[in-house]
Every structure is written in C-alpha cells, then in structure tokens.
Amino acid sequence: MAPAGSDREQAPLRFVTMGLGWDPVRDGVWSGGFRPEIDLNAAALLYAGDRLTDVVWHEQLLSQDGAVRLLGDNLTGHGEGDDEVITVDLTRMSPRVTSVLLLVTSYSGQAFDVIENGFCRLVDGLTRRDIARFALPAGPDHTGFVLGRLHRDAGPWQFHVVGVAIPARHPVEAVPHLEQFLT
C-alpha cells in the first residue's frame, strides 16, 4: 500500500500506532536443519531538534514522558497481525520533543529478503485507518527500515513517510543513518 497523503493533506494527529509483523521461520527455509528464530524489533527514537533524547525499544518499553509505549517484544513472529506494537500519544509528548522516528530492526541479523511477509504500518488511532503501510524491502544488507517521522514544527503533529532501508540490527546502529531524516 502506498502512503496515504503528504504532510499538507493530513489532519493533525493525536494518537498513532506503529504495527510490525512477520511470519516465523518455516521448516525447509534454512539449510542444514538449523533454523534460527527471526526477531524483528520496533523502535521509536525521540529527538529535540537533531538531538536524540529518548528511545523506546525492547529494553525500554516506555518513554520518559509516558507518551510512547512498546506493548511487548515478540521474539519469533508467531501470532496473527501485528507482532509488535508501539503506541504514541502525541497529546502527552514532552514539549521539547520535535520528532519521533519509527524504526524496524532485525535484532537476530537476518536480512529482510529471507523474512516472509514482513511489514510495518502506521495507523491513526482515532480513525483506525492506515496512514502508511510497507512490505519490508528485500535486500542482502537490509536489516533496518525507517518507516517515517512524526514531527511538529510550529503547528500540530504530522507524519512524513521515509520508507528507506538501512543496515541496522539495533537502534544504536541506526542512529548514524537517521540524521538525514530529521529535516
């Protein structure tokens, strides 16, 4: 699905949900009988201008201001629909936060080209409509994906689609690649 509209066409956002899903490893996918589980992670990186101030990920499930929450860490992809969910209550966001980058990483290291049915999406929490939805892009070095940026300048919160693969298994590895998406 293509992103739904540009920054100028969107109504102000108040509450959004990032969903991440993938299928678990099936028999026969990996050779030699060794089948490592696939552990994808959703993360939200909070910025004040171009300065990283907070990260919500599987080792910190709640932002300092309580506005961003990861609802658990799925280690295998088992289950229907969204396997990991991050909720963002933009009405509770600290006034110093100007951007939130939404990120997917392959913590277990598999590139997205070996992951079946991987997707991420952003949903408007009030209308329940997808704002953006992407299949995780195939590529031998694609272990990270930047879904997009929630941001506020002088006005209300808006969403800007990024949709770019990066080499990152962990949010710390992603940080050097993210500065370009803050403007």
Protein backbone atom coordinates (compact mmCIF):
# COMPACT_ATOMS: atom_id res chain seq x y z
CA MET A 1 0.00 0.00 0.00
CA ALA A 2 1.24 3.45 -0.79
CA PRO A 3 1.50 6.10 1.92
CA ALA A 4 -1.77 7.95 2.46
CA GLY A 5 -1.19 11.58 1.60
CA SER A 6 1.53 14.10 2.26
CA ASP A 7 2.16 16.33 5.25
CA ARG A 8 -0.04 19.09 3.85
CA GLU A 9 -3.03 16.83 3.23
CA GLN A 10 -3.16 15.17 6.66
CA ALA A 11 -5.34 16.20 9.54
CA PRO A 12 -3.44 16.83 12.78
CA LEU A 13 -2.53 13.61 14.54
CA ARG A 14 -3.23 12.89 18.20
CA PHE A 15 -2.72 9.17 18.71
CA VAL A 16 -0.97 6.72 16.37
CA THR A 17 0.07 3.11 16.46
CA MET A 18 3.02 1.51 14.70
CA GLY A 19 2.49 -2.15 13.87
CA LEU A 20 5.20 -4.60 12.83
CA GLY A 21 4.53 -8.13 11.62
CA TRP A 22 6.33 -11.10 10.07
CA ASP A 23 5.96 -14.85 9.74
CA PRO A 24 8.03 -17.24 11.85
CA VAL A 25 10.68 -19.45 10.25
CA ARG A 26 9.19 -22.49 8.50
CA ASP A 27 10.75 -25.92 8.03
CA GLY A 28 12.99 -26.00 4.99
CA VAL A 29 13.76 -22.29 4.92
CA TRP A 30 17.21 -22.72 6.48
CA SER A 31 19.64 -25.37 5.31
CA GLY A 32 21.36 -27.95 7.48
CA GLY A 33 18.47 -28.30 9.91
CA PHE A 34 19.49 -25.17 11.86
CA ARG A 35 16.59 -22.73 11.96
CA PRO A 36 17.31 -19.62 13.99
CA GLU A 37 14.24 -17.68 15.00
CA ILE A 38 13.65 -14.29 13.43
CA ASP A 39 13.49 -11.45 15.96
CA LEU A 40 12.41 -8.15 14.46
CA ASN A 41 12.05 -5.11 16.70
CA ALA A 42 10.00 -1.95 16.50
CA ALA A 43 11.57 1.19 17.96
CA ALA A 44 10.74 4.87 18.36
CA LEU A 45 13.58 7.38 18.64
CA LEU A 46 12.62 10.76 20.12
CA TYR A 47 14.50 13.91 19.13
CA ALA A 48 14.65 17.51 20.29
CA GLY A 49 15.77 19.16 17.08
CA ASP A 50 18.66 16.98 15.92
CA ARG A 51 19.50 15.68 19.43
CA LEU A 52 18.40 12.17 20.41
CA THR A 53 16.67 12.40 23.80
CA ASP A 54 14.93 9.05 24.33
CA VAL A 55 14.48 5.62 22.74
CA VAL A 56 11.60 3.17 23.13
CA TRP A 57 12.60 -0.38 22.21
CA HIS A 58 12.58 -3.87 23.66
CA GLU A 59 14.84 -2.88 26.57
CA GLN A 60 12.93 0.33 27.42
CA LEU A 61 9.21 -0.16 26.85
CA LEU A 62 8.10 3.35 27.89
CA SER A 63 9.39 6.83 27.05
CA GLN A 64 10.41 9.13 29.89
CA ASP A 65 7.26 11.22 29.46
CA GLY A 66 4.99 8.16 29.15
CA ALA A 67 3.73 9.16 25.70
CA VAL A 68 5.38 6.33 23.74
CA ARG A 69 4.95 2.67 24.70
CA LEU A 70 6.10 -0.64 23.20
CA LEU A 71 3.46 -3.24 24.04
CA GLY A 72 5.84 -6.20 24.27
CA ASP A 73 8.67 -7.91 22.45
CA ASN A 74 7.81 -10.77 20.08
CA LEU A 75 10.92 -12.90 19.58
CA THR A 76 9.65 -15.19 16.79
CA GLY A 77 6.88 -13.66 14.66
CA HIS A 78 4.32 -16.18 15.94
CA GLY A 79 0.78 -14.82 16.02
CA GLU A 80 -1.59 -13.13 13.61
CA GLY A 81 -1.50 -9.48 12.58
CA ASP A 82 0.87 -7.06 14.28
CA ASP A 83 3.56 -8.94 16.20
CA GLU A 84 4.92 -5.80 17.86
CA VAL A 85 3.05 -2.56 18.52
CA ILE A 86 4.19 0.89 19.58
CA THR A 87 1.57 3.41 20.70
CA VAL A 88 2.28 7.13 20.52
CA ASP A 89 0.03 9.58 22.39
CA LEU A 90 1.06 12.87 20.80
CA THR A 91 -1.10 14.85 23.26
CA ARG A 92 1.20 13.69 26.11
CA MET A 93 4.52 14.19 24.30
CA SER A 94 7.09 16.31 26.10
CA PRO A 95 7.15 19.84 24.64
CA ARG A 96 10.89 19.51 23.95
CA VAL A 97 10.35 16.55 21.55
CA THR A 98 10.06 17.74 17.95
CA SER A 99 10.43 14.46 16.03
CA VAL A 100 9.84 10.75 16.52
CA LEU A 101 11.49 8.39 14.04
CA LEU A 102 9.82 4.98 13.72
CA LEU A 103 12.19 2.14 13.00
CA VAL A 104 12.30 -1.62 12.38
CA THR A 105 15.48 -3.62 13.00
CA SER A 106 16.38 -7.28 12.58
CA TYR A 107 17.84 -7.95 16.02
CA SER A 108 18.68 -11.56 15.11
CA GLY A 109 20.53 -10.32 12.00
CA GLN A 110 18.55 -11.85 9.13
CA ALA A 111 18.25 -9.59 6.12
CA PHE A 112 14.68 -8.75 5.11
CA ASP A 113 15.00 -10.83 1.92
CA VAL A 114 14.79 -14.06 3.99
CA ILE A 115 11.88 -12.89 6.15
CA GLU A 116 8.44 -13.92 4.97
CA ASN A 117 5.55 -11.46 4.93
CA GLY A 118 7.38 -8.75 6.84
CA PHE A 119 5.50 -5.47 7.06
CA CYS A 120 5.22 -2.32 9.11
CA ARG A 121 2.48 0.26 9.24
CA LEU A 122 1.33 3.42 10.95
CA VAL A 123 -2.33 3.62 11.97
CA ASP A 124 -4.34 6.67 13.04
CA GLY A 125 -5.59 5.72 16.50
CA LEU A 126 -8.83 7.68 16.13
CA THR A 127 -9.96 6.60 12.64
CA ARG A 128 -8.19 3.17 12.67
CA ARG A 129 -7.05 3.84 9.09
CA ASP A 130 -3.57 3.07 7.84
CA ILE A 131 -1.56 6.23 7.32
CA ALA A 132 1.28 4.25 5.74
CA ARG A 133 2.00 0.56 5.16
CA PHE A 134 5.12 -1.06 3.73
CA ALA A 135 6.35 -4.55 2.98
CA LEU A 136 9.87 -4.81 4.39
CA PRO A 137 12.17 -4.33 1.38
CA ALA A 138 14.23 -7.28 0.20
CA GLY A 139 17.98 -6.80 0.08
CA PRO A 140 21.01 -8.67 1.37
CA ASP A 141 22.08 -5.78 3.63
CA HIS A 142 18.60 -4.60 4.63
CA THR A 143 18.37 -5.27 8.35
CA GLY A 144 16.77 -1.95 9.25
CA PHE A 145 13.90 0.12 7.89
CA VAL A 146 12.85 3.69 8.67
CA LEU A 147 9.05 3.82 8.40
CA GLY A 148 8.75 7.57 8.87
CA ARG A 149 8.94 10.63 11.06
CA LEU A 150 6.29 12.13 13.28
CA HIS A 151 7.13 15.81 13.66
CA ARG A 152 5.90 19.17 14.78
CA ASP A 153 7.37 22.45 13.81
CA ALA A 154 5.28 25.47 14.73
CA GLY A 155 1.99 23.62 14.35
CA PRO A 156 0.35 20.28 15.09
CA TRP A 157 1.94 16.84 14.76
CA GLN A 158 2.23 15.48 11.23
CA PHE A 159 3.65 12.32 9.67
CA HIS A 160 6.28 12.27 6.94
CA VAL A 161 6.86 8.97 5.15
CA VAL A 162 10.51 7.92 4.88
CA GLY A 163 10.33 4.27 3.70
CA VAL A 164 14.09 3.68 3.47
CA ALA A 165 16.09 0.53 4.24
CA ILE A 166 19.27 0.89 6.29
CA PRO A 167 21.88 -1.55 7.64
CA ALA A 168 20.99 -1.73 11.36
CA ARG A 169 20.30 -4.64 13.70
CA HIS A 170 19.82 -2.38 16.69
CA PRO A 171 18.63 1.23 17.25
CA VAL A 172 22.18 2.27 18.24
CA GLU A 173 23.45 1.09 14.84
CA ALA A 174 20.64 3.05 13.17
CA VAL A 175 21.38 6.43 14.77
CA PRO A 176 24.17 7.48 12.33
CA HIS A 177 21.79 6.81 9.42
CA LEU A 178 18.88 8.79 10.85
CA GLU A 179 20.13 12.38 10.93
CA GLN A 180 19.29 12.85 7.25
CA PHE A 181 15.58 12.19 8.01
CA LEU A 182 15.23 14.86 10.70
CA THR A 183 14.71 17.74 8.28
